[in-house]
Amino acid sequence: MPARHQNNDGSVDIDTLFRIGRGRAPTGEPAAAAEMTKWFNTNYHYIVPEFSKGQQFRLTWTQLLEEVDEALALGHKIKPVLLGPVTYLWLGKVKGEPFDRLTLLKDILPVYQHVLAELAKRGIEWVQIDEPALVLELPQAWLDAFKPAYDALAGQVKLLLTTYFEGVTPNLDTIIALPVQGLHVDLIHGKDDVAELHQRLPVDWLLSAGLINGRNVWRADLTEKYAQINALVGKRALWVASSCSLLHSPIDLSVETRLDTEVKSWFAFALQKCGELALLRDALNSGETRRA
């Protein structure tokens, strides 16, 4: 949290978040808003983290844990999602005295360890940890940072290392050395070969195949998707998934009551894409292409 937006007692509330985005100090005086930029190659934006030399990190916003508790109380089986520490630092910027922000990795890892420990206490089996920076052409020092980072995070829950928006093949050597239990890849926007991924990934890793486009509004050709992944069924642990978060898609086509019937038949919004995944899963499990 930028110091100019912080409460005097160090607490963080919803007003703090708005001050960061809108540009205001706790006193009400103007204070520069944090920078906003595009989330990778999408039209969504994020507020750029600011890092200063000697910065300290602590958990001050517990909404994730509160929502996990609520979902568990309702009987849901859930997979919480965290933005990974290396990508988080990569996406930020240095303010004030110049320094290498990668040196902050050792300081932020205890916060991640604490969150993972809290999730483990709640009986969470899998945590999705997003490292989309792994689809980029990163400097070697940043690639080298992944191994010690994930060595520090290993052992509390199963980690699904998640990438999206491009392929991972150029950085696969870095990925397969990590102590995680699964990998998600974007098979829509990436050009990774499924057979090569299967051959190179550790045999005990789960592969989450991002086969349904999470960034458009169109129905998928499920027969094509079935053919793309069917050869791996029974050969390793396999999930089918959207290519990325479904936040890029509208929510529910069924509430669109004014669309032309033919045009509506071309579409699949977020809920319908979940339905496509369920159909694809059932077809792969049964071997019946008719379902797809």
Protein backbone atom coordinates (compact mmCIF):
# COMPACT_ATOMS: atom_id res chain seq x y z
CA MET A 1 0.00 0.00 0.00
CA PRO A 2 1.52 3.38 -0.95
CA ALA A 3 2.31 5.37 2.19
CA ARG A 4 0.45 8.41 0.86
CA HIS A 5 -2.85 6.47 0.91
CA GLN A 6 -2.43 4.58 4.20
CA ASN A 7 -4.41 5.06 7.38
CA ASN A 8 -2.33 6.39 10.26
CA ASP A 9 -2.79 3.16 12.23
CA GLY A 10 -1.68 1.00 9.29
CA SER A 11 -5.10 -0.59 8.81
CA VAL A 12 -6.54 -1.23 5.37
CA ASP A 13 -10.22 -0.88 4.51
CA ILE A 14 -12.35 -0.35 1.43
CA ASP A 15 -11.69 3.40 1.61
CA THR A 16 -7.96 2.71 1.37
CA LEU A 17 -8.48 0.84 -1.88
CA PHE A 18 -10.52 3.68 -3.35
CA ARG A 19 -7.91 6.22 -2.27
CA ILE A 20 -5.25 4.27 -4.15
CA GLY A 21 -7.35 4.22 -7.32
CA ARG A 22 -8.81 7.71 -7.15
CA GLY A 23 -5.88 9.63 -5.65
CA ARG A 24 -6.58 10.89 -2.14
CA ALA A 25 -4.87 10.92 1.26
CA PRO A 26 -6.69 9.79 4.45
CA THR A 27 -7.01 13.49 5.35
CA GLY A 28 -9.02 14.10 2.20
CA GLU A 29 -6.20 16.02 0.57
CA PRO A 30 -5.21 15.12 -3.01
CA ALA A 31 -2.53 12.41 -3.32
CA ALA A 32 -1.37 10.92 -6.60
CA ALA A 33 -3.39 7.89 -7.66
CA ALA A 34 -1.50 4.69 -8.36
CA GLU A 35 -0.78 3.94 -11.99
CA MET A 36 -3.17 1.72 -13.93
CA THR A 37 -2.13 -0.39 -16.91
CA LYS A 38 -3.37 -3.26 -19.06
CA TRP A 39 -3.41 -6.79 -17.67
CA PHE A 40 -1.03 -8.44 -20.13
CA ASN A 41 -2.57 -8.31 -23.64
CA THR A 42 -6.18 -7.87 -22.52
CA ASN A 43 -8.38 -4.80 -22.27
CA TYR A 44 -8.70 -5.28 -18.51
CA HIS A 45 -6.54 -3.11 -16.26
CA TYR A 46 -4.90 -3.46 -12.87
CA ILE A 47 -3.45 -1.00 -10.39
CA VAL A 48 0.33 -1.26 -10.55
CA PRO A 49 1.96 -2.22 -7.22
CA GLU A 50 4.58 0.26 -6.02
CA PHE A 51 7.77 -1.00 -4.37
CA SER A 52 10.32 0.95 -2.36
CA LYS A 53 13.73 -0.08 -1.09
CA GLY A 54 13.50 -1.95 2.21
CA GLN A 55 9.76 -2.39 1.89
CA GLN A 56 8.03 -4.73 4.34
CA PHE A 57 5.04 -6.94 3.55
CA ARG A 58 2.19 -8.14 5.76
CA LEU A 59 -1.29 -9.56 5.28
CA THR A 60 -3.80 -6.75 5.85
CA TRP A 61 -6.73 -7.80 3.64
CA THR A 62 -8.33 -11.10 4.60
CA GLN A 63 -11.23 -11.17 2.15
CA LEU A 64 -9.91 -14.34 0.48
CA LEU A 65 -9.94 -16.29 3.75
CA GLU A 66 -13.36 -14.93 4.66
CA GLU A 67 -14.79 -15.99 1.30
CA VAL A 68 -13.18 -19.42 1.62
CA ASP A 69 -14.85 -19.84 5.02
CA GLU A 70 -18.19 -18.80 3.56
CA ALA A 71 -17.90 -21.19 0.60
CA LEU A 72 -16.89 -24.09 2.83
CA ALA A 73 -19.82 -23.39 5.15
CA LEU A 74 -22.11 -23.72 2.13
CA GLY A 75 -20.61 -27.10 1.29
CA HIS A 76 -18.65 -26.12 -1.81
CA LYS A 77 -15.41 -27.81 -2.83
CA ILE A 78 -13.18 -24.93 -3.80
CA LYS A 79 -9.82 -24.10 -5.32
CA PRO A 80 -8.66 -20.66 -4.13
CA VAL A 81 -6.61 -18.55 -6.54
CA LEU A 82 -3.55 -16.45 -5.71
CA LEU A 83 -1.41 -14.31 -7.97
CA GLY A 84 2.08 -15.79 -7.66
CA PRO A 85 4.89 -13.86 -5.96
CA VAL A 86 7.23 -13.64 -8.95
CA THR A 87 4.55 -12.34 -11.31
CA TYR A 88 3.39 -9.90 -8.62
CA LEU A 89 6.86 -8.39 -8.35
CA TRP A 90 7.33 -8.43 -12.13
CA LEU A 91 4.13 -6.43 -12.65
CA GLY A 92 5.05 -3.76 -10.09
CA LYS A 93 7.29 -0.72 -10.38
CA VAL A 94 9.96 0.90 -8.23
CA LYS A 95 9.18 4.22 -6.55
CA GLY A 96 11.84 6.43 -5.03
CA GLU A 97 15.45 5.26 -4.81
CA PRO A 98 16.24 2.84 -7.67
CA PHE A 99 16.80 -0.81 -6.74
CA ASP A 100 16.12 -4.31 -8.09
CA ARG A 101 12.56 -5.16 -7.03
CA LEU A 102 13.34 -8.87 -7.37
CA THR A 103 15.33 -8.53 -4.13
CA LEU A 104 11.97 -8.19 -2.35
CA LEU A 105 11.07 -11.79 -3.13
CA LYS A 106 12.53 -13.12 0.12
CA ASP A 107 10.48 -10.55 2.05
CA ILE A 108 7.12 -11.32 0.44
CA LEU A 109 7.35 -15.12 0.60
CA PRO A 110 6.47 -15.33 4.34
CA VAL A 111 3.12 -13.68 3.56
CA TYR A 112 2.38 -16.34 0.94
CA GLN A 113 3.47 -19.05 3.37
CA HIS A 114 1.05 -17.67 5.95
CA VAL A 115 -1.88 -17.60 3.50
CA LEU A 116 -1.15 -21.15 2.33
CA ALA A 117 -0.94 -22.32 5.95
CA GLU A 118 -4.33 -20.75 6.68
CA LEU A 119 -5.83 -22.48 3.64
CA ALA A 120 -4.28 -25.80 4.68
CA LYS A 121 -5.88 -25.42 8.14
CA ARG A 122 -9.24 -25.17 6.38
CA GLY A 123 -8.70 -28.46 4.58
CA ILE A 124 -8.10 -26.94 1.14
CA GLU A 125 -6.53 -29.53 -1.16
CA TRP A 126 -5.59 -27.45 -4.22
CA VAL A 127 -4.56 -23.80 -4.54
CA GLN A 128 -4.25 -22.26 -7.98
CA ILE A 129 -1.24 -19.98 -8.05
CA ASP A 130 -1.10 -17.81 -11.15
CA GLU A 131 2.27 -17.05 -12.70
CA PRO A 132 1.37 -15.66 -16.14
CA ALA A 133 4.81 -14.04 -16.30
CA LEU A 134 6.02 -17.52 -17.29
CA VAL A 135 4.63 -16.98 -20.80
CA LEU A 136 6.91 -13.97 -21.26
CA GLU A 137 10.54 -13.74 -22.34
CA LEU A 138 11.89 -13.04 -18.87
CA PRO A 139 15.46 -12.11 -17.91
CA GLN A 140 17.40 -15.10 -16.60
CA ALA A 141 17.53 -13.70 -13.08
CA TRP A 142 13.74 -13.71 -12.94
CA LEU A 143 13.51 -17.24 -14.31
CA ASP A 144 16.07 -18.36 -11.72
CA ALA A 145 13.91 -16.85 -8.96
CA PHE A 146 11.06 -19.32 -9.44
CA LYS A 147 12.83 -22.36 -7.98
CA PRO A 148 13.77 -20.91 -4.56
CA ALA A 149 10.39 -19.18 -4.36
CA TYR A 150 8.44 -22.39 -4.86
CA ASP A 151 10.80 -24.39 -2.68
CA ALA A 152 9.68 -22.01 0.08
CA LEU A 153 5.97 -22.44 -0.75
CA ALA A 154 5.93 -26.21 -1.17
CA GLY A 155 4.45 -28.75 1.21
CA GLN A 156 1.31 -27.19 2.70
CA VAL A 157 -1.25 -27.72 -0.08
CA LYS A 158 -1.18 -28.96 -3.66
CA LEU A 159 -0.19 -26.13 -6.00
CA LEU A 160 -1.58 -25.76 -9.51
CA LEU A 161 0.89 -23.50 -11.30
CA THR A 162 -1.25 -21.55 -13.74
CA THR A 163 -0.33 -19.67 -16.89
CA TYR A 164 -2.40 -18.04 -19.61
CA PHE A 165 -2.47 -15.75 -22.66
CA GLU A 166 0.49 -17.48 -24.38
CA GLY A 167 2.34 -20.79 -24.38
CA VAL A 168 4.88 -22.07 -21.87
CA THR A 169 7.15 -24.20 -24.05
CA PRO A 170 10.05 -21.66 -24.12
CA ASN A 171 10.14 -21.66 -20.29
CA LEU A 172 9.23 -25.30 -19.73
CA ASP A 173 12.66 -26.23 -18.37
CA THR A 174 12.14 -23.71 -15.56
CA ILE A 175 8.60 -24.94 -14.90
CA ILE A 176 9.32 -28.67 -14.67
CA ALA A 177 11.97 -28.05 -11.99
CA LEU A 178 9.41 -26.56 -9.60
CA PRO A 179 7.97 -28.47 -6.61
CA VAL A 180 4.33 -28.10 -7.66
CA GLN A 181 1.71 -30.76 -8.30
CA GLY A 182 0.11 -29.51 -11.49
CA LEU A 183 0.31 -27.10 -14.42
CA HIS A 184 -2.44 -25.20 -16.22
CA VAL A 185 -1.77 -24.10 -19.79
CA ASP A 186 -3.73 -21.92 -22.20
CA LEU A 187 -4.31 -24.10 -25.25
CA ILE A 188 -6.28 -21.37 -27.04
CA HIS A 189 -3.78 -18.53 -27.24
CA GLY A 190 -0.68 -20.63 -26.63
CA LYS A 191 0.83 -22.94 -29.21
CA ASP A 192 2.02 -25.65 -26.83
CA ASP A 193 1.86 -29.19 -28.17
CA VAL A 194 -0.18 -31.39 -25.84
CA ALA A 195 1.87 -34.49 -26.60
CA GLU A 196 5.12 -32.65 -25.84
CA LEU A 197 3.71 -31.31 -22.58
CA HIS A 198 2.70 -34.81 -21.55
CA GLN A 199 6.13 -36.17 -22.42
CA ARG A 200 8.09 -33.48 -20.57
CA LEU A 201 6.00 -32.90 -17.46
CA PRO A 202 6.71 -35.06 -14.39
CA VAL A 203 4.53 -38.16 -14.55
CA ASP A 204 2.82 -37.41 -11.23
CA TRP A 205 1.79 -33.88 -12.23
CA LEU A 206 -1.78 -33.01 -13.08
CA LEU A 207 -2.24 -31.24 -16.42
CA SER A 208 -5.03 -28.66 -16.56
CA ALA A 209 -5.84 -28.16 -20.24
CA GLY A 210 -7.26 -24.72 -21.06
CA LEU A 211 -9.42 -25.84 -23.97
CA ILE A 212 -12.41 -23.49 -23.75
CA ASN A 213 -11.73 -19.88 -24.69
CA GLY A 214 -12.15 -17.72 -21.59
CA ARG A 215 -11.84 -14.48 -23.54
CA ASN A 216 -14.63 -14.63 -26.10
CA VAL A 217 -18.40 -15.11 -26.31
CA TRP A 218 -18.54 -17.94 -28.86
CA ARG A 219 -19.54 -21.57 -28.50
CA ALA A 220 -16.69 -24.05 -28.78
CA ASP A 221 -16.35 -26.93 -31.22
CA LEU A 222 -16.38 -29.65 -28.57
CA THR A 223 -15.64 -32.41 -31.05
CA GLU A 224 -12.41 -30.61 -31.94
CA LYS A 225 -11.55 -30.12 -28.27
CA TYR A 226 -12.24 -33.79 -27.55
CA ALA A 227 -9.85 -34.84 -30.32
CA GLN A 228 -7.17 -32.45 -29.06
CA ILE A 229 -6.94 -33.98 -25.58
CA ASN A 230 -8.43 -37.48 -25.77
CA ALA A 231 -5.07 -39.21 -26.29
CA LEU A 232 -4.01 -38.22 -22.75
CA VAL A 233 -7.04 -39.69 -20.98
CA GLY A 234 -5.86 -42.43 -18.63
CA LYS A 235 -2.19 -41.54 -19.10
CA ARG A 236 -1.95 -38.81 -16.45
CA ALA A 237 -4.17 -36.83 -14.10
CA LEU A 238 -6.09 -34.47 -16.36
CA TRP A 239 -8.48 -31.56 -15.90
CA VAL A 240 -10.30 -29.65 -18.63
CA ALA A 241 -10.67 -25.93 -18.03
CA SER A 242 -11.16 -22.54 -19.59
CA SER A 243 -8.03 -21.00 -21.08
CA CYS A 244 -8.04 -18.27 -18.43
CA SER A 245 -10.41 -16.68 -15.93
CA LEU A 246 -13.98 -16.34 -17.20
CA LEU A 247 -14.11 -12.74 -15.98
CA HIS A 248 -13.45 -11.73 -19.60
CA SER A 249 -16.81 -13.16 -20.69
CA PRO A 250 -20.35 -11.99 -19.86
CA ILE A 251 -21.97 -14.11 -17.16
CA ASP A 252 -25.13 -15.82 -18.38
CA LEU A 253 -26.60 -16.06 -21.88
CA SER A 254 -29.95 -17.26 -20.56
CA VAL A 255 -30.87 -13.78 -19.29
CA GLU A 256 -30.36 -12.25 -22.75
CA THR A 257 -34.01 -12.30 -23.80
CA ARG A 258 -33.87 -9.89 -26.74
CA LEU A 259 -31.27 -11.64 -28.87
CA ASP A 260 -32.22 -13.10 -32.22
CA THR A 261 -32.60 -16.87 -31.77
CA GLU A 262 -30.06 -17.75 -34.45
CA VAL A 263 -27.51 -15.25 -33.17
CA LYS A 264 -28.04 -16.49 -29.62
CA SER A 265 -27.22 -20.03 -30.73
CA TRP A 266 -23.69 -18.90 -31.62
CA PHE A 267 -22.90 -17.65 -28.12
CA ALA A 268 -21.59 -19.14 -24.88
CA PHE A 269 -21.11 -16.85 -21.88
CA ALA A 270 -19.34 -17.81 -18.64
CA LEU A 271 -22.03 -20.16 -17.29
CA GLN A 272 -22.49 -21.78 -20.68
CA LYS A 273 -18.73 -22.27 -20.98
CA CYS A 274 -18.84 -24.13 -17.67
CA GLY A 275 -21.54 -26.30 -19.24
CA GLU A 276 -19.30 -26.94 -22.23
CA LEU A 277 -16.53 -28.05 -19.88
CA ALA A 278 -18.90 -30.43 -18.10
CA LEU A 279 -19.97 -31.95 -21.43
CA LEU A 280 -16.35 -32.32 -22.52
CA ARG A 281 -15.40 -33.90 -19.18
CA ASP A 282 -18.25 -36.40 -19.41
CA ALA A 283 -17.38 -37.30 -22.99
CA LEU A 284 -13.71 -37.83 -22.15
CA ASN A 285 -14.58 -39.94 -19.11
CA SER A 286 -17.00 -42.12 -21.05
CA GLY A 287 -15.24 -42.17 -24.42
CA GLU A 288 -18.47 -41.13 -26.11
CA THR A 289 -17.77 -38.48 -28.73
CA ARG A 290 -21.52 -38.02 -29.23
CA ARG A 291 -21.65 -36.09 -25.95
CA ALA A 292 -19.07 -33.63 -27.22
